[in-house]
């Protein structure tokens, strides 16, 4: 079968753009059109492996994983290690699902004008038709994602925190994985970025985060276990409302900023 490089690159550019945007939708992360296009171009360059002899499955998976790592870096830029790993795994899952579908279509249907090799699909169809088909697939994906999101409780909620005479409003992320609780009072802990709550954070908490040994009278610490590290989180009391509903919680201050929100809370704190 004759494979035209211009058709190969154009079709795979559409396909990779669909994969990139689909990954961003699943992760609920916004990326600029420029990043989307650049990431798609990287993936499109990887489509040239179709001209190589059939790769060993292990080599093919390793190549796709490395390519996925580069695409993820271009897509989302620099980020925390755990966020990078999650983003890459999500993109690889979407890519392998698509590749599996193409392989199944090739083996069981073998449509005329289609060739599949080394994880890359080639369609000998007009560019316009490829654009329309890809747009329809992406539209169907977005519609499905919209329906799912409509049925799912909102994850982001406004969190108002009042300390003394100062009140701030944060972008809160509902996460059932946040099980932090104060061992003395039993109250749940909202984990907030230091920069987001610096204006209401007590001096002793700021001193602890800064590594000072003085001025720590009355500070309360809560053990915190994460995927990457264990440690102690300083907490302080405050008046908190989430979605205009009072929440009996403490505020924990993270040394590093939280990805995707100003703070994280257990949705159970406003269930009653």
C-alpha atoms as a PDB file:
ATOM      1  CA  UNK A   1       0.000   0.000   0.000  1.00  0.00           C
ATOM      2  CA  UNK A   2       1.322   3.450  -0.914  1.00  0.00           C
ATOM      3  CA  UNK A   3       1.502   5.805   2.075  1.00  0.00           C
ATOM      4  CA  UNK A   4       1.589   9.535   1.361  1.00  0.00           C
ATOM      5  CA  UNK A   5       3.546  11.433   4.013  1.00  0.00           C
ATOM      6  CA  UNK A   6       1.437  14.601   3.696  1.00  0.00           C
ATOM      7  CA  UNK A   7      -1.802  12.660   4.224  1.00  0.00           C
ATOM      8  CA  UNK A   8      -0.233  10.706   7.095  1.00  0.00           C
ATOM      9  CA  UNK A   9       0.895  13.861   8.902  1.00  0.00           C
ATOM     10  CA  UNK A  10      -2.327  15.769   8.307  1.00  0.00           C
ATOM     11  CA  UNK A  11      -4.592  12.946   9.483  1.00  0.00           C
ATOM     12  CA  UNK A  12      -2.457  12.251  12.545  1.00  0.00           C
ATOM     13  CA  UNK A  13      -2.377  15.945  13.402  1.00  0.00           C
ATOM     14  CA  UNK A  14      -6.174  15.865  13.673  1.00  0.00           C
ATOM     15  CA  UNK A  15      -6.061  12.615  15.637  1.00  0.00           C
ATOM     16  CA  UNK A  16      -3.434  13.877  18.084  1.00  0.00           C
ATOM     17  CA  UNK A  17      -5.277  17.135  18.596  1.00  0.00           C
ATOM     18  CA  UNK A  18      -8.341  15.087  19.530  1.00  0.00           C
ATOM     19  CA  UNK A  19      -6.266  13.009  21.973  1.00  0.00           C
ATOM     20  CA  UNK A  20      -4.682  16.108  23.544  1.00  0.00           C
ATOM     21  CA  UNK A  21      -7.979  17.935  24.004  1.00  0.00           C
ATOM     22  CA  UNK A  22      -9.651  14.780  25.261  1.00  0.00           C
ATOM     23  CA  UNK A  23      -6.949  14.330  27.908  1.00  0.00           C
ATOM     24  CA  UNK A  24      -7.364  17.945  29.042  1.00  0.00           C
ATOM     25  CA  UNK A  25     -11.125  17.434  29.341  1.00  0.00           C
ATOM     26  CA  UNK A  26     -10.729  14.289  31.438  1.00  0.00           C
ATOM     27  CA  UNK A  27      -8.254  16.028  33.757  1.00  0.00           C
ATOM     28  CA  UNK A  28     -10.429  19.197  33.816  1.00  0.00           C
ATOM     29  CA  UNK A  29      -7.407  21.303  32.958  1.00  0.00           C
ATOM     30  CA  UNK A  30      -7.387  24.266  30.621  1.00  0.00           C
ATOM     31  CA  UNK A  31      -4.644  24.487  28.011  1.00  0.00           C
ATOM     32  CA  UNK A  32      -4.100  27.186  25.425  1.00  0.00           C
ATOM     33  CA  UNK A  33      -4.661  26.509  21.702  1.00  0.00           C
ATOM     34  CA  UNK A  34      -0.931  27.051  21.158  1.00  0.00           C
ATOM     35  CA  UNK A  35       0.015  24.319  23.644  1.00  0.00           C
ATOM     36  CA  UNK A  36      -2.621  22.026  22.159  1.00  0.00           C
ATOM     37  CA  UNK A  37      -1.202  22.524  18.668  1.00  0.00           C
ATOM     38  CA  UNK A  38       2.425  22.113  19.753  1.00  0.00           C
ATOM     39  CA  UNK A  39       1.644  18.909  21.668  1.00  0.00           C
ATOM     40  CA  UNK A  40      -0.275  17.619  18.649  1.00  0.00           C
ATOM     41  CA  UNK A  41       2.698  18.372  16.369  1.00  0.00           C
ATOM     42  CA  UNK A  42       4.986  16.362  18.643  1.00  0.00           C
ATOM     43  CA  UNK A  43       2.603  13.422  18.445  1.00  0.00           C
ATOM     44  CA  UNK A  44       2.321  13.859  14.686  1.00  0.00           C
ATOM     45  CA  UNK A  45       6.098  13.664  14.309  1.00  0.00           C
ATOM     46  CA  UNK A  46       5.952  10.337  16.129  1.00  0.00           C
ATOM     47  CA  UNK A  47       3.624   9.011  13.416  1.00  0.00           C
ATOM     48  CA  UNK A  48       6.621   8.712  11.096  1.00  0.00           C
ATOM     49  CA  UNK A  49       7.490   5.406  12.804  1.00  0.00           C
ATOM     50  CA  UNK A  50       4.931   3.857  10.464  1.00  0.00           C
ATOM     51  CA  UNK A  51       7.685   3.838   7.831  1.00  0.00           C
ATOM     52  CA  UNK A  52       9.956   1.691  10.045  1.00  0.00           C
ATOM     53  CA  UNK A  53       9.927  -2.115  10.070  1.00  0.00           C
ATOM     54  CA  UNK A  54       7.452  -3.635  12.515  1.00  0.00           C
ATOM     55  CA  UNK A  55       8.732  -2.860  16.029  1.00  0.00           C
ATOM     56  CA  UNK A  56       8.812  -5.367  18.857  1.00  0.00           C
ATOM     57  CA  UNK A  57       5.746  -4.794  21.094  1.00  0.00           C
ATOM     58  CA  UNK A  58       7.971  -3.905  24.072  1.00  0.00           C
ATOM     59  CA  UNK A  59       9.945  -1.396  21.998  1.00  0.00           C
ATOM     60  CA  UNK A  60       6.702   0.053  20.631  1.00  0.00           C
ATOM     61  CA  UNK A  61       5.272   0.531  24.143  1.00  0.00           C
ATOM     62  CA  UNK A  62       8.525   2.139  25.358  1.00  0.00           C
ATOM     63  CA  UNK A  63       8.534   4.503  22.390  1.00  0.00           C
ATOM     64  CA  UNK A  64       4.885   5.445  22.942  1.00  0.00           C
ATOM     65  CA  UNK A  65       5.530   6.025  26.649  1.00  0.00           C
ATOM     66  CA  UNK A  66       8.502   8.304  25.954  1.00  0.00           C
ATOM     67  CA  UNK A  67       6.507  10.154  23.306  1.00  0.00           C
ATOM     68  CA  UNK A  68       3.621  10.515  25.747  1.00  0.00           C
ATOM     69  CA  UNK A  69       5.992  11.989  28.345  1.00  0.00           C
ATOM     70  CA  UNK A  70       7.211  14.638  25.896  1.00  0.00           C
ATOM     71  CA  UNK A  71       3.680  15.442  24.738  1.00  0.00           C
ATOM     72  CA  UNK A  72       2.536  15.833  28.357  1.00  0.00           C
ATOM     73  CA  UNK A  73       5.392  18.251  29.083  1.00  0.00           C
ATOM     74  CA  UNK A  74       4.478  20.333  26.046  1.00  0.00           C
ATOM     75  CA  UNK A  75       0.778  20.128  26.868  1.00  0.00           C
ATOM     76  CA  UNK A  76       0.856  21.223  30.512  1.00  0.00           C
ATOM     77  CA  UNK A  77       4.368  22.601  31.016  1.00  0.00           C
ATOM     78  CA  UNK A  78       6.341  22.139  34.207  1.00  0.00           C
ATOM     79  CA  UNK A  79       4.361  20.758  37.145  1.00  0.00           C
ATOM     80  CA  UNK A  80       4.754  18.703  40.274  1.00  0.00           C
ATOM     81  CA  UNK A  81       6.132  15.214  39.766  1.00  0.00           C
ATOM     82  CA  UNK A  82       2.938  13.475  40.878  1.00  0.00           C
ATOM     83  CA  UNK A  83       0.809  15.756  38.645  1.00  0.00           C
ATOM     84  CA  UNK A  84       3.111  15.027  35.705  1.00  0.00           C
ATOM     85  CA  UNK A  85       2.803  11.285  36.259  1.00  0.00           C
ATOM     86  CA  UNK A  86      -1.003  11.465  36.515  1.00  0.00           C
ATOM     87  CA  UNK A  87      -1.238  13.642  33.388  1.00  0.00           C
ATOM     88  CA  UNK A  88       1.037  11.321  31.414  1.00  0.00           C
ATOM     89  CA  UNK A  89      -0.828   8.191  32.500  1.00  0.00           C
ATOM     90  CA  UNK A  90      -4.125   9.786  31.498  1.00  0.00           C
ATOM     91  CA  UNK A  91      -2.790  10.752  28.076  1.00  0.00           C
ATOM     92  CA  UNK A  92      -1.308   7.280  27.564  1.00  0.00           C
ATOM     93  CA  UNK A  93      -4.599   5.679  28.579  1.00  0.00           C
ATOM     94  CA  UNK A  94      -6.490   7.774  26.006  1.00  0.00           C
ATOM     95  CA  UNK A  95      -3.835   7.083  23.361  1.00  0.00           C
ATOM     96  CA  UNK A  96      -3.683   3.328  23.981  1.00  0.00           C
ATOM     97  CA  UNK A  97      -7.474   3.128  23.958  1.00  0.00           C
ATOM     98  CA  UNK A  98      -7.515   4.838  20.564  1.00  0.00           C
ATOM     99  CA  UNK A  99      -4.660   2.656  19.286  1.00  0.00           C
ATOM    100  CA  UNK A 100      -6.477  -0.456  20.477  1.00  0.00           C
ATOM    101  CA  UNK A 101      -9.602   0.623  18.648  1.00  0.00           C
ATOM    102  CA  UNK A 102      -7.644   1.220  15.453  1.00  0.00           C
ATOM    103  CA  UNK A 103      -5.949  -2.174  15.754  1.00  0.00           C
ATOM    104  CA  UNK A 104      -9.293  -3.914  16.269  1.00  0.00           C
ATOM    105  CA  UNK A 105     -10.746  -2.080  13.266  1.00  0.00           C
ATOM    106  CA  UNK A 106      -7.742  -3.113  11.160  1.00  0.00           C
ATOM    107  CA  UNK A 107      -7.823  -6.797  12.136  1.00  0.00           C
ATOM    108  CA  UNK A 108     -11.574  -7.376  12.074  1.00  0.00           C
ATOM    109  CA  UNK A 109     -12.814  -4.948   9.435  1.00  0.00           C
ATOM    110  CA  UNK A 110      -9.703  -4.037   7.410  1.00  0.00           C
ATOM    111  CA  UNK A 111     -11.384  -1.053   5.716  1.00  0.00           C
ATOM    112  CA  UNK A 112     -10.101  -0.125   2.320  1.00  0.00           C
ATOM    113  CA  UNK A 113      -7.529   2.653   2.416  1.00  0.00           C
ATOM    114  CA  UNK A 114      -6.511   2.013   6.028  1.00  0.00           C
ATOM    115  CA  UNK A 115      -3.114   0.821   7.228  1.00  0.00           C
ATOM    116  CA  UNK A 116      -2.024   0.304  10.846  1.00  0.00           C
ATOM    117  CA  UNK A 117       1.544  -0.297  11.989  1.00  0.00           C
ATOM    118  CA  UNK A 118       3.715   0.520  15.025  1.00  0.00           C
ATOM    119  CA  UNK A 119       0.782   2.114  16.833  1.00  0.00           C
ATOM    120  CA  UNK A 120       0.093   4.541  13.981  1.00  0.00           C
ATOM    121  CA  UNK A 121      -3.000   4.595  11.793  1.00  0.00           C
ATOM    122  CA  UNK A 122      -3.018   5.750   8.177  1.00  0.00           C
ATOM    123  CA  UNK A 123      -6.219   6.568   6.313  1.00  0.00           C
ATOM    124  CA  UNK A 124      -6.118   7.158   2.596  1.00  0.00           C
ATOM    125  CA  UNK A 125      -9.029   9.580   2.689  1.00  0.00           C
ATOM    126  CA  UNK A 126      -9.397  13.257   1.758  1.00  0.00           C
ATOM    127  CA  UNK A 127      -8.112  15.713   4.361  1.00  0.00           C
ATOM    128  CA  UNK A 128     -11.510  17.394   4.526  1.00  0.00           C
ATOM    129  CA  UNK A 129     -13.217  14.114   5.350  1.00  0.00           C
ATOM    130  CA  UNK A 130     -10.637  13.404   8.055  1.00  0.00           C
ATOM    131  CA  UNK A 131     -11.277  16.847   9.561  1.00  0.00           C
ATOM    132  CA  UNK A 132     -15.043  16.318   9.607  1.00  0.00           C
ATOM    133  CA  UNK A 133     -14.787  12.840  11.144  1.00  0.00           C
ATOM    134  CA  UNK A 134     -12.347  13.998  13.828  1.00  0.00           C
ATOM    135  CA  UNK A 135     -14.507  17.024  14.648  1.00  0.00           C
ATOM    136  CA  UNK A 136     -17.542  14.764  14.995  1.00  0.00           C
ATOM    137  CA  UNK A 137     -15.625  12.401  17.310  1.00  0.00           C
ATOM    138  CA  UNK A 138     -14.393  15.268  19.456  1.00  0.00           C
ATOM    139  CA  UNK A 139     -17.887  16.747  19.574  1.00  0.00           C
ATOM    140  CA  UNK A 140     -19.303  13.402  20.703  1.00  0.00           C
ATOM    141  CA  UNK A 141     -16.603  13.166  23.357  1.00  0.00           C
ATOM    142  CA  UNK A 142     -17.370  16.650  24.658  1.00  0.00           C
ATOM    143  CA  UNK A 143     -21.103  15.930  24.719  1.00  0.00           C
ATOM    144  CA  UNK A 144     -20.521  12.721  26.690  1.00  0.00           C
ATOM    145  CA  UNK A 145     -18.210  14.528  29.106  1.00  0.00           C
ATOM    146  CA  UNK A 146     -20.777  17.326  29.523  1.00  0.00           C
ATOM    147  CA  UNK A 147     -23.547  14.852  30.362  1.00  0.00           C
ATOM    148  CA  UNK A 148     -21.327  13.084  32.897  1.00  0.00           C
ATOM    149  CA  UNK A 149     -20.315  16.381  34.506  1.00  0.00           C
ATOM    150  CA  UNK A 150     -23.944  17.509  34.736  1.00  0.00           C
ATOM    151  CA  UNK A 151     -24.796  14.374  36.697  1.00  0.00           C
ATOM    152  CA  UNK A 152     -21.785  14.710  38.985  1.00  0.00           C
ATOM    153  CA  UNK A 153     -21.852  17.044  41.993  1.00  0.00           C
ATOM    154  CA  UNK A 154     -19.804  20.209  41.501  1.00  0.00           C
ATOM    155  CA  UNK A 155     -16.224  19.685  42.621  1.00  0.00           C
ATOM    156  CA  UNK A 156     -15.259  23.353  42.830  1.00  0.00           C
ATOM    157  CA  UNK A 157     -17.009  25.516  45.386  1.00  0.00           C
ATOM    158  CA  UNK A 158     -16.432  28.970  46.880  1.00  0.00           C
ATOM    159  CA  UNK A 159     -14.954  28.687  50.371  1.00  0.00           C
ATOM    160  CA  UNK A 160     -15.304  31.758  52.585  1.00  0.00           C
ATOM    161  CA  UNK A 161     -12.952  31.964  55.558  1.00  0.00           C
ATOM    162  CA  UNK A 162     -13.269  34.613  58.235  1.00  0.00           C
ATOM    163  CA  UNK A 163     -10.570  35.199  60.853  1.00  0.00           C
ATOM    164  CA  UNK A 164     -11.114  38.065  63.284  1.00  0.00           C
ATOM    165  CA  UNK A 165     -12.162  40.969  61.036  1.00  0.00           C
ATOM    166  CA  UNK A 166     -10.696  39.662  57.781  1.00  0.00           C
ATOM    167  CA  UNK A 167     -12.637  37.538  55.302  1.00  0.00           C
ATOM    168  CA  UNK A 168     -11.325  35.880  52.144  1.00  0.00           C
ATOM    169  CA  UNK A 169     -12.949  33.708  49.467  1.00  0.00           C
ATOM    170  CA  UNK A 170     -11.043  30.761  48.023  1.00  0.00           C
ATOM    171  CA  UNK A 171     -11.597  28.379  45.141  1.00  0.00           C
ATOM    172  CA  UNK A 172     -12.177  25.086  46.971  1.00  0.00           C
ATOM    173  CA  UNK A 173     -11.846  21.627  45.479  1.00  0.00           C
ATOM    174  CA  UNK A 174     -13.991  18.826  46.906  1.00  0.00           C
ATOM    175  CA  UNK A 175     -11.812  15.740  47.315  1.00  0.00           C
ATOM    176  CA  UNK A 176     -12.836  12.628  49.231  1.00  0.00           C
ATOM    177  CA  UNK A 177      -9.122  11.810  49.488  1.00  0.00           C
ATOM    178  CA  UNK A 178      -8.686  14.628  52.011  1.00  0.00           C
ATOM    179  CA  UNK A 179      -9.221  12.755  55.286  1.00  0.00           C
ATOM    180  CA  UNK A 180      -7.244  15.126  57.523  1.00  0.00           C
ATOM    181  CA  UNK A 181      -8.683  15.478  61.008  1.00  0.00           C
ATOM    182  CA  UNK A 182      -7.496  17.095  64.196  1.00  0.00           C
ATOM    183  CA  UNK A 183      -6.869  14.288  66.711  1.00  0.00           C
ATOM    184  CA  UNK A 184      -7.937  16.451  69.678  1.00  0.00           C
ATOM    185  CA  UNK A 185     -11.192  17.994  68.450  1.00  0.00           C
ATOM    186  CA  UNK A 186     -12.006  15.491  65.703  1.00  0.00           C
ATOM    187  CA  UNK A 187     -12.735  18.346  63.308  1.00  0.00           C
ATOM    188  CA  UNK A 188     -11.963  17.906  59.596  1.00  0.00           C
ATOM    189  CA  UNK A 189      -9.140  20.009  58.162  1.00  0.00           C
ATOM    190  CA  UNK A 190      -9.340  22.079  54.988  1.00  0.00           C
ATOM    191  CA  UNK A 191      -5.905  22.087  53.383  1.00  0.00           C
ATOM    192  CA  UNK A 192      -5.124  25.504  51.888  1.00  0.00           C
ATOM    193  CA  UNK A 193      -2.192  26.946  49.960  1.00  0.00           C
ATOM    194  CA  UNK A 194      -0.015  29.216  52.090  1.00  0.00           C
ATOM    195  CA  UNK A 195      -0.213  32.046  49.543  1.00  0.00           C
ATOM    196  CA  UNK A 196      -4.014  31.860  49.478  1.00  0.00           C
ATOM    197  CA  UNK A 197      -4.509  32.260  53.259  1.00  0.00           C
ATOM    198  CA  UNK A 198      -1.445  34.320  54.183  1.00  0.00           C
ATOM    199  CA  UNK A 199      -3.585  37.361  55.042  1.00  0.00           C
ATOM    200  CA  UNK A 200      -5.467  35.504  57.810  1.00  0.00           C
ATOM    201  CA  UNK A 201      -2.812  33.043  58.966  1.00  0.00           C
ATOM    202  CA  UNK A 202      -1.724  33.501  62.607  1.00  0.00           C
ATOM    203  CA  UNK A 203       1.868  34.573  63.244  1.00  0.00           C
ATOM    204  CA  UNK A 204       2.829  31.335  64.990  1.00  0.00           C
ATOM    205  CA  UNK A 205       1.749  29.323  61.943  1.00  0.00           C
ATOM    206  CA  UNK A 206       3.783  31.536  59.621  1.00  0.00           C
ATOM    207  CA  UNK A 207       6.772  31.178  61.943  1.00  0.00           C
ATOM    208  CA  UNK A 208       6.484  27.385  61.881  1.00  0.00           C
ATOM    209  CA  UNK A 209       6.284  27.280  58.089  1.00  0.00           C
ATOM    210  CA  UNK A 210       9.298  29.592  57.860  1.00  0.00           C
ATOM    211  CA  UNK A 211      11.278  27.153  60.012  1.00  0.00           C
ATOM    212  CA  UNK A 212      11.594  29.438  63.026  1.00  0.00           C
ATOM    213  CA  UNK A 213      11.836  27.994  66.517  1.00  0.00           C
ATOM    214  CA  UNK A 214      10.550  31.075  68.356  1.00  0.00           C
ATOM    215  CA  UNK A 215       6.994  32.350  68.554  1.00  0.00           C
ATOM    216  CA  UNK A 216       5.339  28.948  68.255  1.00  0.00           C
ATOM    217  CA  UNK A 217       3.234  29.162  71.428  1.00  0.00           C
ATOM    218  CA  UNK A 218      -0.122  27.435  71.092  1.00  0.00           C
ATOM    219  CA  UNK A 219       0.487  26.068  67.601  1.00  0.00           C
ATOM    220  CA  UNK A 220      -1.447  22.920  66.692  1.00  0.00           C
ATOM    221  CA  UNK A 221      -0.062  20.334  64.240  1.00  0.00           C
ATOM    222  CA  UNK A 222      -1.872  17.571  62.356  1.00  0.00           C
ATOM    223  CA  UNK A 223      -0.072  14.573  60.795  1.00  0.00           C
ATOM    224  CA  UNK A 224      -0.435  14.568  57.019  1.00  0.00           C
ATOM    225  CA  UNK A 225       0.303  11.627  54.728  1.00  0.00           C
ATOM    226  CA  UNK A 226       0.498  12.112  50.955  1.00  0.00           C
ATOM    227  CA  UNK A 227       1.690  10.086  47.990  1.00  0.00           C
ATOM    228  CA  UNK A 228       5.046  11.855  47.946  1.00  0.00           C
ATOM    229  CA  UNK A 229       5.776  12.667  51.588  1.00  0.00           C
ATOM    230  CA  UNK A 230       4.712  12.632  55.230  1.00  0.00           C
ATOM    231  CA  UNK A 231       4.778  15.575  57.611  1.00  0.00           C
ATOM    232  CA  UNK A 232       2.974  17.850  60.041  1.00  0.00           C
ATOM    233  CA  UNK A 233       0.492  20.503  58.934  1.00  0.00           C
ATOM    234  CA  UNK A 234      -0.090  23.564  61.145  1.00  0.00           C
ATOM    235  CA  UNK A 235      -3.796  24.328  61.626  1.00  0.00           C
ATOM    236  CA  UNK A 236      -5.844  27.159  63.103  1.00  0.00           C
ATOM    237  CA  UNK A 237      -9.555  27.762  63.771  1.00  0.00           C
ATOM    238  CA  UNK A 238     -11.684  30.108  61.656  1.00  0.00           C
ATOM    239  CA  UNK A 239     -15.288  30.672  60.586  1.00  0.00           C
ATOM    240  CA  UNK A 240     -15.821  28.771  57.326  1.00  0.00           C
ATOM    241  CA  UNK A 241     -18.734  28.584  54.904  1.00  0.00           C
ATOM    242  CA  UNK A 242     -18.783  26.431  51.767  1.00  0.00           C
ATOM    243  CA  UNK A 243     -21.520  27.145  49.234  1.00  0.00           C
ATOM    244  CA  UNK A 244     -23.002  29.449  51.890  1.00  0.00           C
ATOM    245  CA  UNK A 245     -23.264  26.553  54.354  1.00  0.00           C
ATOM    246  CA  UNK A 246     -21.374  26.588  57.652  1.00  0.00           C
ATOM    247  CA  UNK A 247     -18.609  24.022  58.058  1.00  0.00           C
ATOM    248  CA  UNK A 248     -17.109  23.051  61.417  1.00  0.00           C
ATOM    249  CA  UNK A 249     -13.507  22.701  60.275  1.00  0.00           C
ATOM    250  CA  UNK A 250      -9.953  23.836  60.909  1.00  0.00           C
ATOM    251  CA  UNK A 251      -7.691  25.466  58.339  1.00  0.00           C
ATOM    252  CA  UNK A 252      -4.466  23.631  57.540  1.00  0.00           C
ATOM    253  CA  UNK A 253      -1.695  25.538  55.770  1.00  0.00           C
ATOM    254  CA  UNK A 254       0.354  23.708  53.136  1.00  0.00           C
ATOM    255  CA  UNK A 255       3.905  24.869  52.556  1.00  0.00           C
ATOM    256  CA  UNK A 256       3.496  24.476  48.789  1.00  0.00           C
ATOM    257  CA  UNK A 257       0.682  25.705  46.580  1.00  0.00           C
ATOM    258  CA  UNK A 258      -2.103  23.252  45.796  1.00  0.00           C
ATOM    259  CA  UNK A 259      -2.493  22.382  42.128  1.00  0.00           C
ATOM    260  CA  UNK A 260      -5.819  23.320  40.537  1.00  0.00           C
ATOM    261  CA  UNK A 261      -7.391  25.149  43.500  1.00  0.00           C
ATOM    262  CA  UNK A 262      -6.732  27.355  46.527  1.00  0.00           C
ATOM    263  CA  UNK A 263      -7.793  24.691  49.015  1.00  0.00           C
ATOM    264  CA  UNK A 264      -9.016  21.108  49.277  1.00  0.00           C
ATOM    265  CA  UNK A 265     -11.895  19.955  51.481  1.00  0.00           C
ATOM    266  CA  UNK A 266     -13.739  16.732  52.172  1.00  0.00           C
ATOM    267  CA  UNK A 267     -17.227  17.123  50.612  1.00  0.00           C
ATOM    268  CA  UNK A 268     -18.608  15.360  53.688  1.00  0.00           C
ATOM    269  CA  UNK A 269     -18.088  18.511  55.787  1.00  0.00           C
ATOM    270  CA  UNK A 270     -21.125  20.120  54.115  1.00  0.00           C
ATOM    271  CA  UNK A 271     -23.241  17.000  53.645  1.00  0.00           C
ATOM    272  CA  UNK A 272     -25.345  17.619  56.716  1.00  0.00           C
END
